[in-house]
C-alpha atoms as a PDB file:
ATOM      1  CA  MET A   1     -27.311  40.710  47.158  1.00  0.00           C
ATOM      2  CA  THR A   2     -24.696  42.264  44.871  1.00  0.00           C
ATOM      3  CA  GLN A   3     -23.486  44.361  47.824  1.00  0.00           C
ATOM      4  CA  LEU A   4     -22.198  41.187  49.465  1.00  0.00           C
ATOM      5  CA  THR A   5     -18.611  40.075  48.919  1.00  0.00           C
ATOM      6  CA  MET A   6     -17.869  36.482  47.990  1.00  0.00           C
ATOM      7  CA  PRO A   7     -14.813  34.984  49.736  1.00  0.00           C
ATOM      8  CA  ALA A   8     -11.814  34.291  47.543  1.00  0.00           C
ATOM      9  CA  PRO A   9     -11.989  30.896  45.791  1.00  0.00           C
ATOM     10  CA  ARG A  10     -10.314  28.021  47.540  1.00  0.00           C
ATOM     11  CA  ASP A  11      -7.862  25.813  45.655  1.00  0.00           C
ATOM     12  CA  PHE A  12      -7.963  22.549  47.570  1.00  0.00           C
ATOM     13  CA  GLY A  13      -6.368  20.616  44.718  1.00  0.00           C
ATOM     14  CA  TRP A  14      -9.569  18.676  44.038  1.00  0.00           C
ATOM     15  CA  GLU A  15     -10.719  17.157  40.757  1.00  0.00           C
ATOM     16  CA  LEU A  16     -14.276  18.493  40.529  1.00  0.00           C
ATOM     17  CA  LYS A  17     -16.950  16.227  39.080  1.00  0.00           C
ATOM     18  CA  PRO A  18     -18.401  17.310  35.705  1.00  0.00           C
ATOM     19  CA  ASN A  19     -22.105  17.595  34.853  1.00  0.00           C
ATOM     20  CA  GLU A  20     -21.820  14.339  32.927  1.00  0.00           C
ATOM     21  CA  SER A  21     -21.347  12.476  36.213  1.00  0.00           C
ATOM     22  CA  ALA A  22     -25.037  12.927  37.146  1.00  0.00           C
ATOM     23  CA  TYR A  23     -28.493  12.530  35.573  1.00  0.00           C
ATOM     24  CA  PHE A  24     -30.503  15.768  35.462  1.00  0.00           C
ATOM     25  CA  ASP A  25     -33.956  16.801  34.249  1.00  0.00           C
ATOM     26  CA  ILE A  26     -36.386  19.730  34.550  1.00  0.00           C
ATOM     27  CA  HIS A  27     -40.110  19.239  33.925  1.00  0.00           C
ATOM     28  CA  LYS A  28     -42.437  22.252  33.634  1.00  0.00           C
ATOM     29  CA  ARG A  29     -46.192  21.979  34.165  1.00  0.00           C
ATOM     30  CA  SER A  30     -48.958  23.885  32.400  1.00  0.00           C
ATOM     31  CA  ASN A  31     -49.568  26.066  35.486  1.00  0.00           C
ATOM     32  CA  GLY A  32     -45.902  27.163  35.582  1.00  0.00           C
ATOM     33  CA  GLN A  33     -44.825  24.845  38.381  1.00  0.00           C
ATOM     34  CA  PHE A  34     -41.797  22.690  37.640  1.00  0.00           C
ATOM     35  CA  SER A  35     -39.793  19.871  39.169  1.00  0.00           C
ATOM     36  CA  VAL A  36     -36.079  19.114  39.112  1.00  0.00           C
ATOM     37  CA  VAL A  37     -34.542  15.652  39.506  1.00  0.00           C
ATOM     38  CA  LEU A  38     -30.792  15.096  39.938  1.00  0.00           C
ATOM     39  CA  ASN A  39     -29.307  11.643  40.518  1.00  0.00           C
ATOM     40  CA  HIS A  40     -25.644  11.869  41.509  1.00  0.00           C
ATOM     41  CA  SER A  41     -22.835   9.429  40.925  1.00  0.00           C
ATOM     42  CA  LEU A  42     -21.813   7.328  43.911  1.00  0.00           C
ATOM     43  CA  LEU A  43     -19.934   9.211  46.602  1.00  0.00           C
ATOM     44  CA  ARG A  44     -16.927   6.965  46.970  1.00  0.00           C
ATOM     45  CA  GLY A  45     -15.524   6.594  50.471  1.00  0.00           C
ATOM     46  CA  VAL A  46     -18.582   8.325  51.950  1.00  0.00           C
ATOM     47  CA  ARG A  47     -21.247   6.720  54.145  1.00  0.00           C
ATOM     48  CA  ALA A  48     -24.795   7.867  54.787  1.00  0.00           C
ATOM     49  CA  GLU A  49     -24.013   8.476  58.472  1.00  0.00           C
ATOM     50  CA  MET A  50     -21.367  11.004  57.412  1.00  0.00           C
ATOM     51  CA  ILE A  51     -23.855  12.970  55.306  1.00  0.00           C
ATOM     52  CA  HIS A  52     -26.400  12.915  58.129  1.00  0.00           C
ATOM     53  CA  TRP A  53     -23.716  14.196  60.537  1.00  0.00           C
ATOM     54  CA  TRP A  54     -22.834  16.962  58.072  1.00  0.00           C
ATOM     55  CA  PHE A  55     -26.407  18.260  57.806  1.00  0.00           C
ATOM     56  CA  LEU A  56     -26.676  18.327  61.597  1.00  0.00           C
ATOM     57  CA  ASN A  57     -23.427  20.240  62.051  1.00  0.00           C
ATOM     58  CA  PHE A  58     -22.238  22.119  58.964  1.00  0.00           C
ATOM     59  CA  THR A  59     -23.667  25.522  59.904  1.00  0.00           C
ATOM     60  CA  HIS A  60     -21.519  25.800  63.038  1.00  0.00           C
ATOM     61  CA  LEU A  61     -18.282  24.047  62.039  1.00  0.00           C
ATOM     62  CA  TRP A  62     -14.996  25.903  61.720  1.00  0.00           C
ATOM     63  CA  VAL A  63     -12.039  24.279  59.968  1.00  0.00           C
ATOM     64  CA  LEU A  64      -8.340  25.171  60.002  1.00  0.00           C
ATOM     65  CA  LEU A  65      -6.741  25.231  56.529  1.00  0.00           C
ATOM     66  CA  PRO A  66      -2.959  24.891  57.026  1.00  0.00           C
ATOM     67  CA  ASP A  67      -1.925  24.936  53.365  1.00  0.00           C
ATOM     68  CA  THR A  68      -4.787  26.156  51.142  1.00  0.00           C
ATOM     69  CA  PRO A  69      -3.312  28.990  49.016  1.00  0.00           C
ATOM     70  CA  GLY A  70      -4.527  32.364  50.276  1.00  0.00           C
ATOM     71  CA  TYR A  71      -5.999  30.783  53.417  1.00  0.00           C
ATOM     72  CA  GLU A  72      -2.839  29.418  55.064  1.00  0.00           C
ATOM     73  CA  ASP A  73      -3.360  28.727  58.786  1.00  0.00           C
ATOM     74  CA  ARG A  74      -6.810  30.357  58.792  1.00  0.00           C
ATOM     75  CA  GLN A  75      -9.997  28.976  60.279  1.00  0.00           C
ATOM     76  CA  VAL A  76     -12.977  29.187  57.927  1.00  0.00           C
ATOM     77  CA  PRO A  77     -16.625  28.145  58.199  1.00  0.00           C
ATOM     78  CA  GLY A  78     -17.094  24.517  57.218  1.00  0.00           C
ATOM     79  CA  TYR A  79     -19.590  25.708  54.599  1.00  0.00           C
ATOM     80  CA  LEU A  80     -16.651  27.045  52.546  1.00  0.00           C
ATOM     81  CA  LEU A  81     -15.319  23.504  52.095  1.00  0.00           C
ATOM     82  CA  TRP A  82     -18.621  22.351  50.581  1.00  0.00           C
ATOM     83  CA  HIS A  83     -17.905  24.318  47.404  1.00  0.00           C
ATOM     84  CA  PRO A  84     -14.608  25.909  46.310  1.00  0.00           C
ATOM     85  CA  GLN A  85     -16.170  29.122  44.987  1.00  0.00           C
ATOM     86  CA  ASP A  86     -19.991  29.497  45.241  1.00  0.00           C
ATOM     87  CA  HIS A  87     -20.635  29.544  49.009  1.00  0.00           C
ATOM     88  CA  LEU A  88     -20.836  32.632  51.204  1.00  0.00           C
ATOM     89  CA  SER A  89     -22.604  31.632  54.440  1.00  0.00           C
ATOM     90  CA  ALA A  90     -25.183  29.343  56.075  1.00  0.00           C
ATOM     91  CA  THR A  91     -26.709  30.066  59.485  1.00  0.00           C
ATOM     92  CA  LEU A  92     -29.566  28.667  61.558  1.00  0.00           C
ATOM     93  CA  GLN A  93     -32.513  30.751  62.715  1.00  0.00           C
ATOM     94  CA  GLY A  94     -35.261  29.961  65.209  1.00  0.00           C
ATOM     95  CA  LYS A  95     -35.579  26.973  67.511  1.00  0.00           C
ATOM     96  CA  THR A  96     -32.947  24.247  67.251  1.00  0.00           C
ATOM     97  CA  ALA A  97     -32.401  20.938  69.004  1.00  0.00           C
ATOM     98  CA  ARG A  98     -30.718  21.024  72.429  1.00  0.00           C
ATOM     99  CA  ASP A  99     -27.301  20.407  70.865  1.00  0.00           C
ATOM    100  CA  GLY A 100     -27.769  23.338  68.478  1.00  0.00           C
ATOM    101  CA  SER A 101     -28.481  21.196  65.426  1.00  0.00           C
ATOM    102  CA  PRO A 102     -31.419  21.841  63.085  1.00  0.00           C
ATOM    103  CA  GLN A 103     -34.760  20.152  63.629  1.00  0.00           C
ATOM    104  CA  ARG A 104     -38.140  20.301  61.924  1.00  0.00           C
ATOM    105  CA  GLY A 105     -39.195  23.947  61.983  1.00  0.00           C
ATOM    106  CA  THR A 106     -35.699  25.436  62.172  1.00  0.00           C
ATOM    107  CA  LYS A 107     -34.861  27.901  59.414  1.00  0.00           C
ATOM    108  CA  ILE A 108     -31.555  27.935  57.584  1.00  0.00           C
ATOM    109  CA  ARG A 109     -30.357  31.161  55.973  1.00  0.00           C
ATOM    110  CA  ILE A 110     -28.312  30.370  52.873  1.00  0.00           C
ATOM    111  CA  ARG A 111     -26.213  32.829  50.913  1.00  0.00           C
ATOM    112  CA  GLU A 112     -24.527  31.594  47.755  1.00  0.00           C
ATOM    113  CA  ALA A 113     -24.395  32.111  43.996  1.00  0.00           C
ATOM    114  CA  MET A 114     -24.724  29.571  41.201  1.00  0.00           C
ATOM    115  CA  GLN A 115     -21.514  29.234  39.155  1.00  0.00           C
ATOM    116  CA  TYR A 116     -20.082  32.398  40.646  1.00  0.00           C
ATOM    117  CA  ASP A 117     -16.891  32.085  38.591  1.00  0.00           C
ATOM    118  CA  LYS A 118     -18.953  32.285  35.385  1.00  0.00           C
ATOM    119  CA  HIS A 119     -22.033  34.346  36.289  1.00  0.00           C
ATOM    120  CA  GLY A 120     -21.026  36.407  39.333  1.00  0.00           C
ATOM    121  CA  TRP A 121     -24.221  37.355  41.221  1.00  0.00           C
ATOM    122  CA  LYS A 122     -26.559  36.663  38.284  1.00  0.00           C
ATOM    123  CA  TYR A 123     -28.067  33.620  40.050  1.00  0.00           C
ATOM    124  CA  PRO A 124     -27.940  34.412  43.772  1.00  0.00           C
ATOM    125  CA  VAL A 125     -29.546  32.666  46.717  1.00  0.00           C
ATOM    126  CA  ASP A 126     -30.219  34.725  49.832  1.00  0.00           C
ATOM    127  CA  ALA A 127     -33.090  32.905  51.490  1.00  0.00           C
ATOM    128  CA  ALA A 128     -34.271  31.495  54.813  1.00  0.00           C
ATOM    129  CA  LEU A 129     -35.697  28.031  54.171  1.00  0.00           C
ATOM    130  CA  GLN A 130     -37.603  26.055  56.782  1.00  0.00           C
ATOM    131  CA  VAL A 131     -36.396  22.560  57.607  1.00  0.00           C
ATOM    132  CA  HIS A 132     -39.162  19.968  57.084  1.00  0.00           C
ATOM    133  CA  TYR A 133     -37.244  16.715  57.444  1.00  0.00           C
ATOM    134  CA  VAL A 134     -34.028  15.728  59.233  1.00  0.00           C
ATOM    135  CA  GLY A 135     -33.193  12.056  59.200  1.00  0.00           C
ATOM    136  CA  ALA A 136     -30.500   9.436  58.764  1.00  0.00           C
ATOM    137  CA  ASP A 137     -31.836   8.960  55.218  1.00  0.00           C
ATOM    138  CA  GLY A 138     -32.261  12.542  54.044  1.00  0.00           C
ATOM    139  CA  TRP A 139     -33.019  16.217  54.427  1.00  0.00           C
ATOM    140  CA  ALA A 140     -35.792  18.559  53.263  1.00  0.00           C
ATOM    141  CA  MET A 141     -36.212  22.326  53.391  1.00  0.00           C
ATOM    142  CA  GLY A 142     -38.374  24.861  51.629  1.00  0.00           C
ATOM    143  CA  LYS A 143     -40.983  27.607  51.743  1.00  0.00           C
ATOM    144  CA  THR A 144     -44.726  27.657  52.292  1.00  0.00           C
ATOM    145  CA  LEU A 145     -47.198  30.522  51.937  1.00  0.00           C
ATOM    146  CA  PRO A 146     -50.630  31.035  53.504  1.00  0.00           C
ATOM    147  CA  VAL A 147     -53.448  29.870  51.193  1.00  0.00           C
ATOM    148  CA  PHE A 148     -51.010  28.403  48.654  1.00  0.00           C
ATOM    149  CA  GLY A 149     -49.167  25.964  50.940  1.00  0.00           C
ATOM    150  CA  PRO A 150     -45.763  24.720  49.686  1.00  0.00           C
ATOM    151  CA  VAL A 151     -44.225  26.887  46.963  1.00  0.00           C
ATOM    152  CA  MET A 152     -40.668  25.515  47.083  1.00  0.00           C
ATOM    153  CA  MET A 153     -39.341  22.219  48.443  1.00  0.00           C
ATOM    154  CA  LEU A 154     -35.882  20.710  48.216  1.00  0.00           C
ATOM    155  CA  ARG A 155     -35.703  17.014  49.170  1.00  0.00           C
ATOM    156  CA  ILE A 156     -32.438  15.121  49.440  1.00  0.00           C
ATOM    157  CA  HIS A 157     -32.290  11.333  49.760  1.00  0.00           C
ATOM    158  CA  PHE A 158     -29.185   9.351  50.658  1.00  0.00           C
ATOM    159  CA  CYS A 159     -28.292   5.788  51.597  1.00  0.00           C
ATOM    160  CA  ASP A 160     -25.368   3.402  51.520  1.00  0.00           C
ATOM    161  CA  ALA A 161     -24.827   1.361  48.348  1.00  0.00           C
ATOM    162  CA  TYR A 162     -23.392  -2.149  48.442  1.00  0.00           C
ATOM    163  CA  ASP A 163     -22.295  -4.897  46.103  1.00  0.00           C
ATOM    164  CA  GLY A 164     -22.955  -7.894  48.314  1.00  0.00           C
ATOM    165  CA  ASP A 165     -21.072  -7.099  51.514  1.00  0.00           C
ATOM    166  CA  VAL A 166     -18.789  -4.553  49.848  1.00  0.00           C
ATOM    167  CA  HIS A 167     -19.594  -0.921  50.541  1.00  0.00           C
ATOM    168  CA  LEU A 168     -19.434   1.061  47.284  1.00  0.00           C
ATOM    169  CA  GLY A 169     -20.239   4.539  48.579  1.00  0.00           C
ATOM    170  CA  ALA A 170     -23.234   6.734  49.278  1.00  0.00           C
ATOM    171  CA  HIS A 171     -26.163   7.115  46.874  1.00  0.00           C
ATOM    172  CA  TYR A 172     -27.339  10.777  46.805  1.00  0.00           C
ATOM    173  CA  HIS A 173     -30.548  11.712  45.011  1.00  0.00           C
ATOM    174  CA  TYR A 174     -32.032  15.248  44.845  1.00  0.00           C
ATOM    175  CA  GLU A 175     -35.572  16.406  43.963  1.00  0.00           C
ATOM    176  CA  ILE A 176     -36.949  19.953  43.923  1.00  0.00           C
ATOM    177  CA  VAL A 177     -40.410  21.353  43.279  1.00  0.00           C
ATOM    178  CA  ILE A 178     -40.851  25.084  42.565  1.00  0.00           C
ATOM    179  CA  GLY A 179     -44.273  26.774  42.478  1.00  0.00           C
ATOM    180  CA  THR A 180     -47.723  26.060  43.863  1.00  0.00           C
ATOM    181  CA  SER A 181     -49.733  23.058  42.705  1.00  0.00           C
ATOM    182  CA  ALA A 182     -52.919  25.141  42.406  1.00  0.00           C
ATOM    183  CA  LYS A 183     -54.202  25.849  38.898  1.00  0.00           C
ATOM    184  CA  ASN A 184     -56.111  29.133  39.298  1.00  0.00           C
ATOM    185  CA  PRO A 185     -55.036  32.531  37.883  1.00  0.00           C
ATOM    186  CA  ALA A 186     -53.429  33.591  41.183  1.00  0.00           C
ATOM    187  CA  ALA A 187     -51.363  30.399  41.192  1.00  0.00           C
ATOM    188  CA  ARG A 188     -50.176  30.987  37.635  1.00  0.00           C
ATOM    189  CA  PHE A 189     -49.161  34.536  38.563  1.00  0.00           C
ATOM    190  CA  LEU A 190     -47.231  33.300  41.617  1.00  0.00           C
ATOM    191  CA  ASN A 191     -45.506  30.575  39.626  1.00  0.00           C
ATOM    192  CA  LYS A 192     -44.515  33.062  36.941  1.00  0.00           C
ATOM    193  CA  ARG A 193     -42.970  35.289  39.590  1.00  0.00           C
ATOM    194  CA  LEU A 194     -41.102  32.391  41.211  1.00  0.00           C
ATOM    195  CA  SER A 195     -39.895  31.208  37.810  1.00  0.00           C
ATOM    196  CA  SER A 196     -38.426  34.643  37.097  1.00  0.00           C
ATOM    197  CA  GLU A 197     -36.093  34.136  40.065  1.00  0.00           C
ATOM    198  CA  PHE A 198     -35.748  30.355  40.310  1.00  0.00           C
ATOM    199  CA  GLY A 199     -36.640  29.189  36.820  1.00  0.00           C
ATOM    200  CA  PRO A 200     -35.119  26.613  34.462  1.00  0.00           C
ATOM    201  CA  GLU A 201     -32.270  28.990  33.537  1.00  0.00           C
ATOM    202  CA  PHE A 202     -31.364  29.320  37.219  1.00  0.00           C
ATOM    203  CA  PHE A 203     -31.450  25.548  37.660  1.00  0.00           C
ATOM    204  CA  GLU A 204     -29.199  24.911  34.687  1.00  0.00           C
ATOM    205  CA  ALA A 205     -26.578  26.938  36.571  1.00  0.00           C
ATOM    206  CA  TRP A 206     -27.610  25.158  39.792  1.00  0.00           C
ATOM    207  CA  GLN A 207     -26.940  21.791  38.142  1.00  0.00           C
ATOM    208  CA  ARG A 208     -23.232  22.615  37.806  1.00  0.00           C
ATOM    209  CA  HIS A 209     -23.190  24.095  41.297  1.00  0.00           C
ATOM    210  CA  ASN A 210     -24.761  21.030  42.896  1.00  0.00           C
ATOM    211  CA  VAL A 211     -22.730  18.441  41.002  1.00  0.00           C
ATOM    212  CA  ILE A 212     -19.589  20.136  42.312  1.00  0.00           C
ATOM    213  CA  GLU A 213     -21.040  20.668  45.798  1.00  0.00           C
ATOM    214  CA  VAL A 214     -22.123  17.075  46.360  1.00  0.00           C
ATOM    215  CA  GLY A 215     -19.042  15.673  44.643  1.00  0.00           C
ATOM    216  CA  THR A 216     -16.758  17.445  47.114  1.00  0.00           C
ATOM    217  CA  PHE A 217     -18.082  15.210  49.884  1.00  0.00           C
ATOM    218  CA  GLU A 218     -15.621  12.613  48.565  1.00  0.00           C
ATOM    219  CA  ASN A 219     -12.772  15.037  49.182  1.00  0.00           C
ATOM    220  CA  PHE A 220     -13.371  16.467  52.635  1.00  0.00           C
ATOM    221  CA  LEU A 221     -16.220  14.713  54.455  1.00  0.00           C
ATOM    222  CA  PRO A 222     -14.418  11.487  55.512  1.00  0.00           C
ATOM    223  CA  VAL A 223     -11.571  13.652  56.844  1.00  0.00           C
ATOM    224  CA  LEU A 224     -13.844  15.871  58.960  1.00  0.00           C
ATOM    225  CA  PHE A 225     -16.020  12.973  60.110  1.00  0.00           C
ATOM    226  CA  ALA A 226     -12.925  11.213  61.454  1.00  0.00           C
ATOM    227  CA  GLN A 227     -12.434  14.278  63.708  1.00  0.00           C
ATOM    228  CA  LYS A 228     -16.076  14.471  64.886  1.00  0.00           C
ATOM    229  CA  ASP A 229     -15.106  13.940  68.530  1.00  0.00           C
ATOM    230  CA  ASN A 230     -12.896  17.036  68.456  1.00  0.00           C
ATOM    231  CA  LEU A 231     -15.026  19.651  66.677  1.00  0.00           C
ATOM    232  CA  SER A 232     -13.159  22.608  68.160  1.00  0.00           C
ATOM    233  CA  ASN A 233      -9.950  21.563  66.376  1.00  0.00           C
ATOM    234  CA  LEU A 234     -11.061  20.485  62.905  1.00  0.00           C
ATOM    235  CA  THR A 235      -8.287  20.603  60.303  1.00  0.00           C
ATOM    236  CA  TYR A 236      -8.186  19.980  56.570  1.00  0.00           C
ATOM    237  CA  SER A 237      -4.955  19.989  54.582  1.00  0.00           C
ATOM    238  CA  ARG A 238      -4.427  19.269  50.896  1.00  0.00           C
ATOM    239  CA  ASP A 239      -2.539  16.018  51.526  1.00  0.00           C
ATOM    240  CA  GLN A 240      -5.577  14.604  53.369  1.00  0.00           C
ATOM    241  CA  ASN A 241      -7.662  14.455  50.164  1.00  0.00           C
ATOM    242  CA  PRO A 242      -8.902  10.843  49.984  1.00  0.00           C
ATOM    243  CA  ALA A 243     -10.978  11.091  46.803  1.00  0.00           C
ATOM    244  CA  PRO A 244     -10.405   8.549  44.029  1.00  0.00           C
ATOM    245  CA  GLN A 245     -10.137   9.756  40.467  1.00  0.00           C
ATOM    246  CA  GLY A 246     -12.067   8.751  37.359  1.00  0.00           C
ATOM    247  CA  LEU A 247     -15.230   9.738  35.490  1.00  0.00           C
ATOM    248  CA  GLN A 248     -18.555   8.401  36.775  1.00  0.00           C
ATOM    249  CA  LYS A 249     -22.187   8.430  35.724  1.00  0.00           C
ATOM    250  CA  GLY A 250     -25.312   8.924  37.816  1.00  0.00           C
ATOM    251  CA  HIS A 251     -25.750   5.974  40.133  1.00  0.00           C
ATOM    252  CA  ASP A 252     -29.275   4.818  39.236  1.00  0.00           C
ATOM    253  CA  ARG A 253     -30.560   5.722  35.781  1.00  0.00           C
ATOM    254  CA  ALA A 254     -33.695   3.573  36.115  1.00  0.00           C
ATOM    255  CA  LEU A 255     -34.678   5.328  39.349  1.00  0.00           C
ATOM    256  CA  PHE A 256     -33.977   8.715  37.781  1.00  0.00           C
ATOM    257  CA  GLU A 257     -36.128   8.042  34.718  1.00  0.00           C
ATOM    258  CA  THR A 258     -38.947   6.613  36.816  1.00  0.00           C
ATOM    259  CA  ARG A 259     -39.022   9.613  39.147  1.00  0.00           C
ATOM    260  CA  VAL A 260     -39.008  12.062  36.227  1.00  0.00           C
ATOM    261  CA  LYS A 261     -41.979  10.302  34.618  1.00  0.00           C
ATOM    262  CA  GLU A 262     -43.897  10.015  37.888  1.00  0.00           C
ATOM    263  CA  PHE A 263     -43.392  13.698  38.707  1.00  0.00           C
ATOM    264  CA  ALA A 264     -44.769  14.573  35.279  1.00  0.00           C
ATOM    265  CA  ALA A 265     -47.830  12.358  35.838  1.00  0.00           C
ATOM    266  CA  ALA A 266     -48.528  13.349  39.457  1.00  0.00           C
ATOM    267  CA  ASP A 267     -51.668  15.374  40.212  1.00  0.00           C
ATOM    268  CA  ASP A 268     -49.884  17.046  43.127  1.00  0.00           C
ATOM    269  CA  ALA A 269     -46.101  17.274  42.830  1.00  0.00           C
ATOM    270  CA  TYR A 270     -45.625  17.970  46.552  1.00  0.00           C
ATOM    271  CA  ALA A 271     -47.748  15.008  47.612  1.00  0.00           C
ATOM    272  CA  PHE A 272     -45.716  12.805  45.276  1.00  0.00           C
ATOM    273  CA  GLN A 273     -42.444  14.292  46.500  1.00  0.00           C
ATOM    274  CA  ALA A 274     -43.449  13.423  50.112  1.00  0.00           C
ATOM    275  CA  PHE A 275     -40.841  15.886  51.328  1.00  0.00           C
ATOM    276  CA  ASP A 276     -41.624  15.407  55.034  1.00  0.00           C
ATOM    277  CA  LYS A 277     -41.655  11.594  54.944  1.00  0.00           C
ATOM    278  CA  PRO A 278     -38.834   9.040  55.230  1.00  0.00           C
ATOM    279  CA  SER A 279     -36.824   8.385  52.070  1.00  0.00           C
ATOM    280  CA  PHE A 280     -38.050   5.991  49.394  1.00  0.00           C
ATOM    281  CA  LEU A 281     -34.489   4.747  48.778  1.00  0.00           C
END
């Protein structure tokens, strides 16, 4: 992984959301398995249909950057807009839908690093994760192993939030389970090995990475979505940034606290996560 070269950071002129704008928790079980819950602040100006469109298309989008310093008049993969410094590449593998979008069973190869500006390649991701859910209300991907079953699942939930008839933004809620649910010696060994690569220390760096990543949807996603009928000529310039300013908190603290407690009490974290089922939002 360290032989790879990260693209130069991209200064889009965005105000990046801080960790304090989301609720975050890690719970570790006695067998070494652990769960992560992250409830983001509202994505202002973003609708659920935009996020769904992004997950269907982001791996094959190219975007012209007319005025981003160091990238002037260059086309870059859309994945590089989803984080200003941590993303390297994302590609699909295996069978896709007829339009080239991911479907259940497709694999997505992700290359990135958590907080690259601070840690370099200390917390890399270079993995092919299988897609288990693609829907208008969310996304799930992960890894399974023979005998053990699921050993890593990432489940994203999103929906539109309203105050009466007024659209407030998109609610984005993230849950991850790492490790097998089995409780035998082999399971504990596997979970220890997984934790050495994707353990709580990794996810503390991931927290900052993901808060920035998801927060940038406010900056670029409405702009790209407005051009969805002309994908071969996508453009993003700094003066198109529509994001409002101001500090936020996680959108639903009660939901966050409930999910944390229920993960801790669940006999089977993956069954509770219901990663391949429609969203609970």
